[in-house]
Amino acid sequence: MWPKSIAGFFLGLLVSTSLVLNLKLLPLAIDTRLLSGLLLAFLLWAAVMTYCYRASSIKRASLHCAGLLAVSVALNAVVLFAGH
């Protein structure tokens, strides 16, 4: 149970932070993006932790979360280097 808890905590934190950073693409006011980002990050973090608890093994949960993290990091890198 502890390995799933640790993986869910850290991978959930990384995945939710990386996904919420993509909100800068939305044409909203900064305060609206900050509030929606805060709420969305918490929900995503809880969803990833729940998924890690539900997964049949820690390896499967880690691979799926790492894949999602890689896609989100790639999107963040494209946005950063495109100068958007």
PDB file of N, CA and C in Angstrom:
ATOM      1  N   MET A   1       0.821  -1.192   0.000  1.00  0.00           N
ATOM      2  CA  MET A   1       0.000   0.000   0.000  1.00  0.00           C
ATOM      3  C   MET A   1       0.870   1.263   0.000  1.00  0.00           C
ATOM      4  N   TRP A   2       1.989   1.234   0.736  1.00  0.00           N
ATOM      5  CA  TRP A   2       2.846   2.419   0.779  1.00  0.00           C
ATOM      6  C   TRP A   2       3.448   2.764  -0.583  1.00  0.00           C
ATOM      7  N   PRO A   3       3.908   1.781  -1.370  1.00  0.00           N
ATOM      8  CA  PRO A   3       4.433   2.162  -2.696  1.00  0.00           C
ATOM      9  C   PRO A   3       3.386   2.837  -3.575  1.00  0.00           C
ATOM     10  N   LYS A   4       2.148   2.364  -3.518  1.00  0.00           N
ATOM     11  CA  LYS A   4       1.089   3.012  -4.295  1.00  0.00           C
ATOM     12  C   LYS A   4       0.804   4.418  -3.775  1.00  0.00           C
ATOM     13  N   SER A   5       0.876   4.589  -2.463  1.00  0.00           N
ATOM     14  CA  SER A   5       0.646   5.917  -1.879  1.00  0.00           C
ATOM     15  C   SER A   5       1.735   6.895  -2.299  1.00  0.00           C
ATOM     16  N   ILE A   6       2.975   6.461  -2.239  1.00  0.00           N
ATOM     17  CA  ILE A   6       4.095   7.338  -2.594  1.00  0.00           C
ATOM     18  C   ILE A   6       4.061   7.668  -4.085  1.00  0.00           C
ATOM     19  N   ALA A   7       3.829   6.648  -4.916  1.00  0.00           N
ATOM     20  CA  ALA A   7       3.758   6.888  -6.362  1.00  0.00           C
ATOM     21  C   ALA A   7       2.578   7.799  -6.700  1.00  0.00           C
ATOM     22  N   GLY A   8       1.445   7.559  -6.088  1.00  0.00           N
ATOM     23  CA  GLY A   8       0.281   8.395  -6.345  1.00  0.00           C
ATOM     24  C   GLY A   8       0.504   9.834  -5.917  1.00  0.00           C
ATOM     25  N   PHE A   9       1.165  10.020  -4.793  1.00  0.00           N
ATOM     26  CA  PHE A   9       1.414  11.370  -4.302  1.00  0.00           C
ATOM     27  C   PHE A   9       2.337  12.137  -5.249  1.00  0.00           C
ATOM     28  N   PHE A  10       3.502  11.571  -5.542  1.00  0.00           N
ATOM     29  CA  PHE A  10       4.478  12.304  -6.341  1.00  0.00           C
ATOM     30  C   PHE A  10       4.110  12.362  -7.824  1.00  0.00           C
ATOM     31  N   LEU A  11       3.664  11.250  -8.390  1.00  0.00           N
ATOM     32  CA  LEU A  11       3.256  11.290  -9.789  1.00  0.00           C
ATOM     33  C   LEU A  11       2.016  12.146  -9.972  1.00  0.00           C
ATOM     34  N   GLY A  12       1.098  12.086  -9.024  1.00  0.00           N
ATOM     35  CA  GLY A  12      -0.086  12.936  -9.102  1.00  0.00           C
ATOM     36  C   GLY A  12       0.265  14.408  -9.039  1.00  0.00           C
ATOM     37  N   LEU A  13       1.212  14.734  -8.191  1.00  0.00           N
ATOM     38  CA  LEU A  13       1.651  16.123  -8.085  1.00  0.00           C
ATOM     39  C   LEU A  13       2.288  16.597  -9.382  1.00  0.00           C
ATOM     40  N   LEU A  14       3.164  15.777  -9.954  1.00  0.00           N
ATOM     41  CA  LEU A  14       3.824  16.162 -11.204  1.00  0.00           C
ATOM     42  C   LEU A  14       2.851  16.242 -12.375  1.00  0.00           C
ATOM     43  N   VAL A  15       1.976  15.262 -12.495  1.00  0.00           N
ATOM     44  CA  VAL A  15       1.025  15.239 -13.606  1.00  0.00           C
ATOM     45  C   VAL A  15       0.049  16.410 -13.502  1.00  0.00           C
ATOM     46  N   SER A  16      -0.490  16.645 -12.326  1.00  0.00           N
ATOM     47  CA  SER A  16      -1.466  17.737 -12.206  1.00  0.00           C
ATOM     48  C   SER A  16      -0.816  19.097 -12.441  1.00  0.00           C
ATOM     49  N   THR A  17       0.390  19.286 -11.946  1.00  0.00           N
ATOM     50  CA  THR A  17       1.082  20.555 -12.169  1.00  0.00           C
ATOM     51  C   THR A  17       1.386  20.756 -13.648  1.00  0.00           C
ATOM     52  N   SER A  18       1.859  19.717 -14.300  1.00  0.00           N
ATOM     53  CA  SER A  18       2.202  19.833 -15.710  1.00  0.00           C
ATOM     54  C   SER A  18       0.964  20.076 -16.575  1.00  0.00           C
ATOM     55  N   LEU A  19      -0.121  19.396 -16.266  1.00  0.00           N
ATOM     56  CA  LEU A  19      -1.341  19.606 -17.049  1.00  0.00           C
ATOM     57  C   LEU A  19      -1.939  20.987 -16.823  1.00  0.00           C
ATOM     58  N   VAL A  20      -1.875  21.470 -15.608  1.00  0.00           N
ATOM     59  CA  VAL A  20      -2.460  22.781 -15.308  1.00  0.00           C
ATOM     60  C   VAL A  20      -1.622  23.905 -15.918  1.00  0.00           C
ATOM     61  N   LEU A  21      -0.341  23.670 -16.127  1.00  0.00           N
ATOM     62  CA  LEU A  21       0.476  24.687 -16.787  1.00  0.00           C
ATOM     63  C   LEU A  21       0.007  24.949 -18.217  1.00  0.00           C
ATOM     64  N   ASN A  22      -0.702  23.996 -18.800  1.00  0.00           N
ATOM     65  CA  ASN A  22      -1.228  24.185 -20.152  1.00  0.00           C
ATOM     66  C   ASN A  22      -2.416  25.139 -20.190  1.00  0.00           C
ATOM     67  N   LEU A  23      -2.923  25.557 -19.051  1.00  0.00           N
ATOM     68  CA  LEU A  23      -4.040  26.508 -19.025  1.00  0.00           C
ATOM     69  C   LEU A  23      -3.644  27.884 -19.539  1.00  0.00           C
ATOM     70  N   LYS A  24      -2.353  28.143 -19.636  1.00  0.00           N
ATOM     71  CA  LYS A  24      -1.942  29.448 -20.141  1.00  0.00           C
ATOM     72  C   LYS A  24      -2.296  29.635 -21.611  1.00  0.00           C
ATOM     73  N   LEU A  25      -2.722  28.548 -22.252  1.00  0.00           N
ATOM     74  CA  LEU A  25      -3.155  28.646 -23.641  1.00  0.00           C
ATOM     75  C   LEU A  25      -4.551  29.234 -23.779  1.00  0.00           C
ATOM     76  N   LEU A  26      -5.310  29.230 -22.696  1.00  0.00           N
ATOM     77  CA  LEU A  26      -6.681  29.735 -22.746  1.00  0.00           C
ATOM     78  C   LEU A  26      -6.705  31.262 -22.712  1.00  0.00           C
ATOM     79  N   PRO A  27      -7.590  31.867 -23.500  1.00  0.00           N
ATOM     80  CA  PRO A  27      -7.673  33.333 -23.518  1.00  0.00           C
ATOM     81  C   PRO A  27      -8.573  33.864 -22.401  1.00  0.00           C
ATOM     82  N   LEU A  28      -8.140  33.674 -21.170  1.00  0.00           N
ATOM     83  CA  LEU A  28      -8.904  34.134 -20.014  1.00  0.00           C
ATOM     84  C   LEU A  28      -8.057  35.116 -19.214  1.00  0.00           C
ATOM     85  N   ALA A  29      -8.710  35.844 -18.337  1.00  0.00           N
ATOM     86  CA  ALA A  29      -7.990  36.740 -17.441  1.00  0.00           C
ATOM     87  C   ALA A  29      -7.120  35.916 -16.500  1.00  0.00           C
ATOM     88  N   ILE A  30      -6.053  36.513 -16.010  1.00  0.00           N
ATOM     89  CA  ILE A  30      -5.085  35.782 -15.189  1.00  0.00           C
ATOM     90  C   ILE A  30      -5.706  35.274 -13.889  1.00  0.00           C
ATOM     91  N   ASP A  31      -6.584  36.049 -13.283  1.00  0.00           N
ATOM     92  CA  ASP A  31      -7.187  35.589 -12.029  1.00  0.00           C
ATOM     93  C   ASP A  31      -8.124  34.405 -12.260  1.00  0.00           C
ATOM     94  N   THR A  32      -8.798  34.382 -13.385  1.00  0.00           N
ATOM     95  CA  THR A  32      -9.666  33.255 -13.726  1.00  0.00           C
ATOM     96  C   THR A  32      -8.843  31.997 -13.984  1.00  0.00           C
ATOM     97  N   ARG A  33      -7.716  32.164 -14.685  1.00  0.00           N
ATOM     98  CA  ARG A  33      -6.837  31.018 -14.936  1.00  0.00           C
ATOM     99  C   ARG A  33      -6.227  30.492 -13.647  1.00  0.00           C
ATOM    100  N   LEU A  34      -5.865  31.376 -12.730  1.00  0.00           N
ATOM    101  CA  LEU A  34      -5.276  30.934 -11.466  1.00  0.00           C
ATOM    102  C   LEU A  34      -6.270  30.160 -10.616  1.00  0.00           C
ATOM    103  N   LEU A  35      -7.487  30.674 -10.505  1.00  0.00           N
ATOM    104  CA  LEU A  35      -8.495  29.983  -9.703  1.00  0.00           C
ATOM    105  C   LEU A  35      -8.882  28.645 -10.330  1.00  0.00           C
ATOM    106  N   SER A  36      -9.122  28.641 -11.636  1.00  0.00           N
ATOM    107  CA  SER A  36      -9.473  27.380 -12.288  1.00  0.00           C
ATOM    108  C   SER A  36      -8.301  26.410 -12.264  1.00  0.00           C
ATOM    109  N   GLY A  37      -7.079  26.902 -12.361  1.00  0.00           N
ATOM    110  CA  GLY A  37      -5.907  26.039 -12.275  1.00  0.00           C
ATOM    111  C   GLY A  37      -5.750  25.407 -10.913  1.00  0.00           C
ATOM    112  N   LEU A  38      -6.012  26.171  -9.871  1.00  0.00           N
ATOM    113  CA  LEU A  38      -5.923  25.652  -8.514  1.00  0.00           C
ATOM    114  C   LEU A  38      -6.957  24.553  -8.275  1.00  0.00           C
ATOM    115  N   LEU A  39      -8.176  24.802  -8.692  1.00  0.00           N
ATOM    116  CA  LEU A  39      -9.239  23.802  -8.519  1.00  0.00           C
ATOM    117  C   LEU A  39      -8.989  22.566  -9.376  1.00  0.00           C
ATOM    118  N   LEU A  40      -8.588  22.773 -10.614  1.00  0.00           N
ATOM    119  CA  LEU A  40      -8.335  21.662 -11.518  1.00  0.00           C
ATOM    120  C   LEU A  40      -7.128  20.840 -11.070  1.00  0.00           C
ATOM    121  N   ALA A  41      -6.089  21.492 -10.571  1.00  0.00           N
ATOM    122  CA  ALA A  41      -4.902  20.763 -10.118  1.00  0.00           C
ATOM    123  C   ALA A  41      -5.241  19.831  -8.961  1.00  0.00           C
ATOM    124  N   PHE A  42      -6.056  20.311  -8.033  1.00  0.00           N
ATOM    125  CA  PHE A  42      -6.432  19.451  -6.903  1.00  0.00           C
ATOM    126  C   PHE A  42      -7.251  18.255  -7.376  1.00  0.00           C
ATOM    127  N   LEU A  43      -8.184  18.487  -8.284  1.00  0.00           N
ATOM    128  CA  LEU A  43      -9.012  17.394  -8.798  1.00  0.00           C
ATOM    129  C   LEU A  43      -8.178  16.379  -9.575  1.00  0.00           C
ATOM    130  N   LEU A  44      -7.245  16.864 -10.397  1.00  0.00           N
ATOM    131  CA  LEU A  44      -6.375  15.960 -11.144  1.00  0.00           C
ATOM    132  C   LEU A  44      -5.468  15.157 -10.214  1.00  0.00           C
ATOM    133  N   TRP A  45      -4.945  15.802  -9.198  1.00  0.00           N
ATOM    134  CA  TRP A  45      -4.077  15.124  -8.235  1.00  0.00           C
ATOM    135  C   TRP A  45      -4.852  14.018  -7.520  1.00  0.00           C
ATOM    136  N   ALA A  46      -6.068  14.311  -7.119  1.00  0.00           N
ATOM    137  CA  ALA A  46      -6.895  13.295  -6.466  1.00  0.00           C
ATOM    138  C   ALA A  46      -7.236  12.162  -7.434  1.00  0.00           C
ATOM    139  N   ALA A  47      -7.478  12.484  -8.694  1.00  0.00           N
ATOM    140  CA  ALA A  47      -7.792  11.450  -9.684  1.00  0.00           C
ATOM    141  C   ALA A  47      -6.595  10.538  -9.934  1.00  0.00           C
ATOM    142  N   VAL A  48      -5.411  11.106 -10.018  1.00  0.00           N
ATOM    143  CA  VAL A  48      -4.214  10.279 -10.233  1.00  0.00           C
ATOM    144  C   VAL A  48      -3.938   9.413  -9.012  1.00  0.00           C
ATOM    145  N   MET A  49      -4.111   9.949  -7.826  1.00  0.00           N
ATOM    146  CA  MET A  49      -3.923   9.139  -6.624  1.00  0.00           C
ATOM    147  C   MET A  49      -4.936   7.996  -6.570  1.00  0.00           C
ATOM    148  N   THR A  50      -6.173   8.274  -6.932  1.00  0.00           N
ATOM    149  CA  THR A  50      -7.194   7.233  -6.959  1.00  0.00           C
ATOM    150  C   THR A  50      -6.847   6.167  -7.997  1.00  0.00           C
ATOM    151  N   TYR A  51      -6.373   6.597  -9.145  1.00  0.00           N
ATOM    152  CA  TYR A  51      -5.973   5.633 -10.171  1.00  0.00           C
ATOM    153  C   TYR A  51      -4.823   4.752  -9.680  1.00  0.00           C
ATOM    154  N   CYS A  52      -3.856   5.350  -9.006  1.00  0.00           N
ATOM    155  CA  CYS A  52      -2.725   4.559  -8.504  1.00  0.00           C
ATOM    156  C   CYS A  52      -3.189   3.538  -7.463  1.00  0.00           C
ATOM    157  N   TYR A  53      -4.139   3.888  -6.640  1.00  0.00           N
ATOM    158  CA  TYR A  53      -4.678   2.930  -5.675  1.00  0.00           C
ATOM    159  C   TYR A  53      -5.456   1.816  -6.367  1.00  0.00           C
ATOM    160  N   ARG A  54      -6.151   2.146  -7.452  1.00  0.00           N
ATOM    161  CA  ARG A  54      -6.992   1.188  -8.140  1.00  0.00           C
ATOM    162  C   ARG A  54      -6.204   0.271  -9.063  1.00  0.00           C
ATOM    163  N   ALA A  55      -5.033   0.693  -9.503  1.00  0.00           N
ATOM    164  CA  ALA A  55      -4.255  -0.084 -10.471  1.00  0.00           C
ATOM    165  C   ALA A  55      -3.857  -1.435  -9.880  1.00  0.00           C
ATOM    166  N   SER A  56      -3.715  -2.402 -10.769  1.00  0.00           N
ATOM    167  CA  SER A  56      -3.400  -3.751 -10.306  1.00  0.00           C
ATOM    168  C   SER A  56      -1.974  -3.861  -9.777  1.00  0.00           C
ATOM    169  N   SER A  57      -1.070  -3.037 -10.301  1.00  0.00           N
ATOM    170  CA  SER A  57       0.306  -3.058  -9.809  1.00  0.00           C
ATOM    171  C   SER A  57       0.878  -1.638  -9.860  1.00  0.00           C
ATOM    172  N   ILE A  58       1.915  -1.435  -9.097  1.00  0.00           N
ATOM    173  CA  ILE A  58       2.552  -0.120  -9.067  1.00  0.00           C
ATOM    174  C   ILE A  58       3.260   0.160 -10.390  1.00  0.00           C
ATOM    175  N   LYS A  59       3.741  -0.897 -11.043  1.00  0.00           N
ATOM    176  CA  LYS A  59       4.420  -0.718 -12.326  1.00  0.00           C
ATOM    177  C   LYS A  59       3.451  -0.202 -13.385  1.00  0.00           C
ATOM    178  N   ARG A  60       2.273  -0.783 -13.445  1.00  0.00           N
ATOM    179  CA  ARG A  60       1.271  -0.353 -14.426  1.00  0.00           C
ATOM    180  C   ARG A  60       0.846   1.094 -14.164  1.00  0.00           C
ATOM    181  N   ALA A  61       0.614   1.429 -12.923  1.00  0.00           N
ATOM    182  CA  ALA A  61       0.198   2.794 -12.588  1.00  0.00           C
ATOM    183  C   ALA A  61       1.303   3.788 -12.920  1.00  0.00           C
ATOM    184  N   SER A  62       2.531   3.439 -12.609  1.00  0.00           N
ATOM    185  CA  SER A  62       3.650   4.341 -12.883  1.00  0.00           C
ATOM    186  C   SER A  62       3.854   4.540 -14.377  1.00  0.00           C
ATOM    187  N   LEU A  63       3.728   3.472 -15.161  1.00  0.00           N
ATOM    188  CA  LEU A  63       3.904   3.602 -16.611  1.00  0.00           C
ATOM    189  C   LEU A  63       2.823   4.471 -17.236  1.00  0.00           C
ATOM    190  N   HIS A  64       1.590   4.298 -16.816  1.00  0.00           N
ATOM    191  CA  HIS A  64       0.511   5.119 -17.373  1.00  0.00           C
ATOM    192  C   HIS A  64       0.665   6.585 -16.967  1.00  0.00           C
ATOM    193  N   CYS A  65       1.011   6.822 -15.719  1.00  0.00           N
ATOM    194  CA  CYS A  65       1.191   8.210 -15.265  1.00  0.00           C
ATOM    195  C   CYS A  65       2.410   8.849 -15.922  1.00  0.00           C
ATOM    196  N   ALA A  66       3.472   8.069 -16.111  1.00  0.00           N
ATOM    197  CA  ALA A  66       4.668   8.604 -16.768  1.00  0.00           C
ATOM    198  C   ALA A  66       4.374   8.931 -18.232  1.00  0.00           C
ATOM    199  N   GLY A  67       3.564   8.132 -18.888  1.00  0.00           N
ATOM    200  CA  GLY A  67       3.180   8.429 -20.265  1.00  0.00           C
ATOM    201  C   GLY A  67       2.376   9.715 -20.364  1.00  0.00           C
ATOM    202  N   LEU A  68       1.424   9.890 -19.474  1.00  0.00           N
ATOM    203  CA  LEU A  68       0.636  11.131 -19.446  1.00  0.00           C
ATOM    204  C   LEU A  68       1.525  12.327 -19.129  1.00  0.00           C
ATOM    205  N   LEU A  69       2.457  12.145 -18.217  1.00  0.00           N
ATOM    206  CA  LEU A  69       3.387  13.222 -17.869  1.00  0.00           C
ATOM    207  C   LEU A  69       4.275  13.581 -19.055  1.00  0.00           C
ATOM    208  N   ALA A  70       4.731  12.592 -19.807  1.00  0.00           N
ATOM    209  CA  ALA A  70       5.584  12.857 -20.966  1.00  0.00           C
ATOM    210  C   ALA A  70       4.835  13.663 -22.031  1.00  0.00           C
ATOM    211  N   VAL A  71       3.579  13.325 -22.271  1.00  0.00           N
ATOM    212  CA  VAL A  71       2.782  14.075 -23.255  1.00  0.00           C
ATOM    213  C   VAL A  71       2.580  15.510 -22.792  1.00  0.00           C
ATOM    214  N   SER A  72       2.279  15.701 -21.529  1.00  0.00           N
ATOM    215  CA  SER A  72       2.050  17.043 -21.009  1.00  0.00           C
ATOM    216  C   SER A  72       3.343  17.878 -21.009  1.00  0.00           C
ATOM    217  N   VAL A  73       4.447  17.251 -20.653  1.00  0.00           N
ATOM    218  CA  VAL A  73       5.732  17.970 -20.672  1.00  0.00           C
ATOM    219  C   VAL A  73       6.101  18.350 -22.102  1.00  0.00           C
ATOM    220  N   ALA A  74       5.837  17.462 -23.059  1.00  0.00           N
ATOM    221  CA  ALA A  74       6.118  17.783 -24.461  1.00  0.00           C
ATOM    222  C   ALA A  74       5.270  18.969 -24.923  1.00  0.00           C
ATOM    223  N   LEU A  75       4.006  18.996 -24.545  1.00  0.00           N
ATOM    224  CA  LEU A  75       3.154  20.122 -24.904  1.00  0.00           C
ATOM    225  C   LEU A  75       3.647  21.414 -24.253  1.00  0.00           C
ATOM    226  N   ASN A  76       4.070  21.333 -22.993  1.00  0.00           N
ATOM    227  CA  ASN A  76       4.627  22.513 -22.325  1.00  0.00           C
ATOM    228  C   ASN A  76       5.897  22.995 -23.011  1.00  0.00           C
ATOM    229  N   ALA A  77       6.741  22.065 -23.464  1.00  0.00           N
ATOM    230  CA  ALA A  77       7.974  22.439 -24.143  1.00  0.00           C
ATOM    231  C   ALA A  77       7.683  23.102 -25.481  1.00  0.00           C
ATOM    232  N   VAL A  78       6.714  22.596 -26.205  1.00  0.00           N
ATOM    233  CA  VAL A  78       6.334  23.197 -27.488  1.00  0.00           C
ATOM    234  C   VAL A  78       5.824  24.624 -27.274  1.00  0.00           C
ATOM    235  N   VAL A  79       4.985  24.789 -26.286  1.00  0.00           N
ATOM    236  CA  VAL A  79       4.444  26.122 -25.988  1.00  0.00           C
ATOM    237  C   VAL A  79       5.557  27.067 -25.543  1.00  0.00           C
ATOM    238  N   LEU A  80       6.481  26.578 -24.744  1.00  0.00           N
ATOM    239  CA  LEU A  80       7.573  27.421 -24.249  1.00  0.00           C
ATOM    240  C   LEU A  80       8.480  27.862 -25.384  1.00  0.00           C
ATOM    241  N   PHE A  81       8.866  26.933 -26.230  1.00  0.00           N
ATOM    242  CA  PHE A  81       9.810  27.274 -27.294  1.00  0.00           C
ATOM    243  C   PHE A  81       9.149  27.942 -28.486  1.00  0.00           C
ATOM    244  N   ALA A  82       7.831  27.830 -28.608  1.00  0.00           N
ATOM    245  CA  ALA A  82       7.128  28.529 -29.689  1.00  0.00           C
ATOM    246  C   ALA A  82       6.921  29.994 -29.327  1.00  0.00           C
ATOM    247  N   GLY A  83       7.150  30.340 -28.066  1.00  0.00           N
ATOM    248  CA  GLY A  83       7.030  31.729 -27.651  1.00  0.00           C
ATOM    249  C   GLY A  83       5.601  32.199 -27.470  1.00  0.00           C
ATOM    250  N   HIS A  84       4.706  31.282 -27.189  1.00  0.00           N
ATOM    251  CA  HIS A  84       3.294  31.644 -27.039  1.00  0.00           C
ATOM    252  C   HIS A  84       3.076  32.284 -25.692  1.00  0.00           C
TER     253      HIS A  84
END
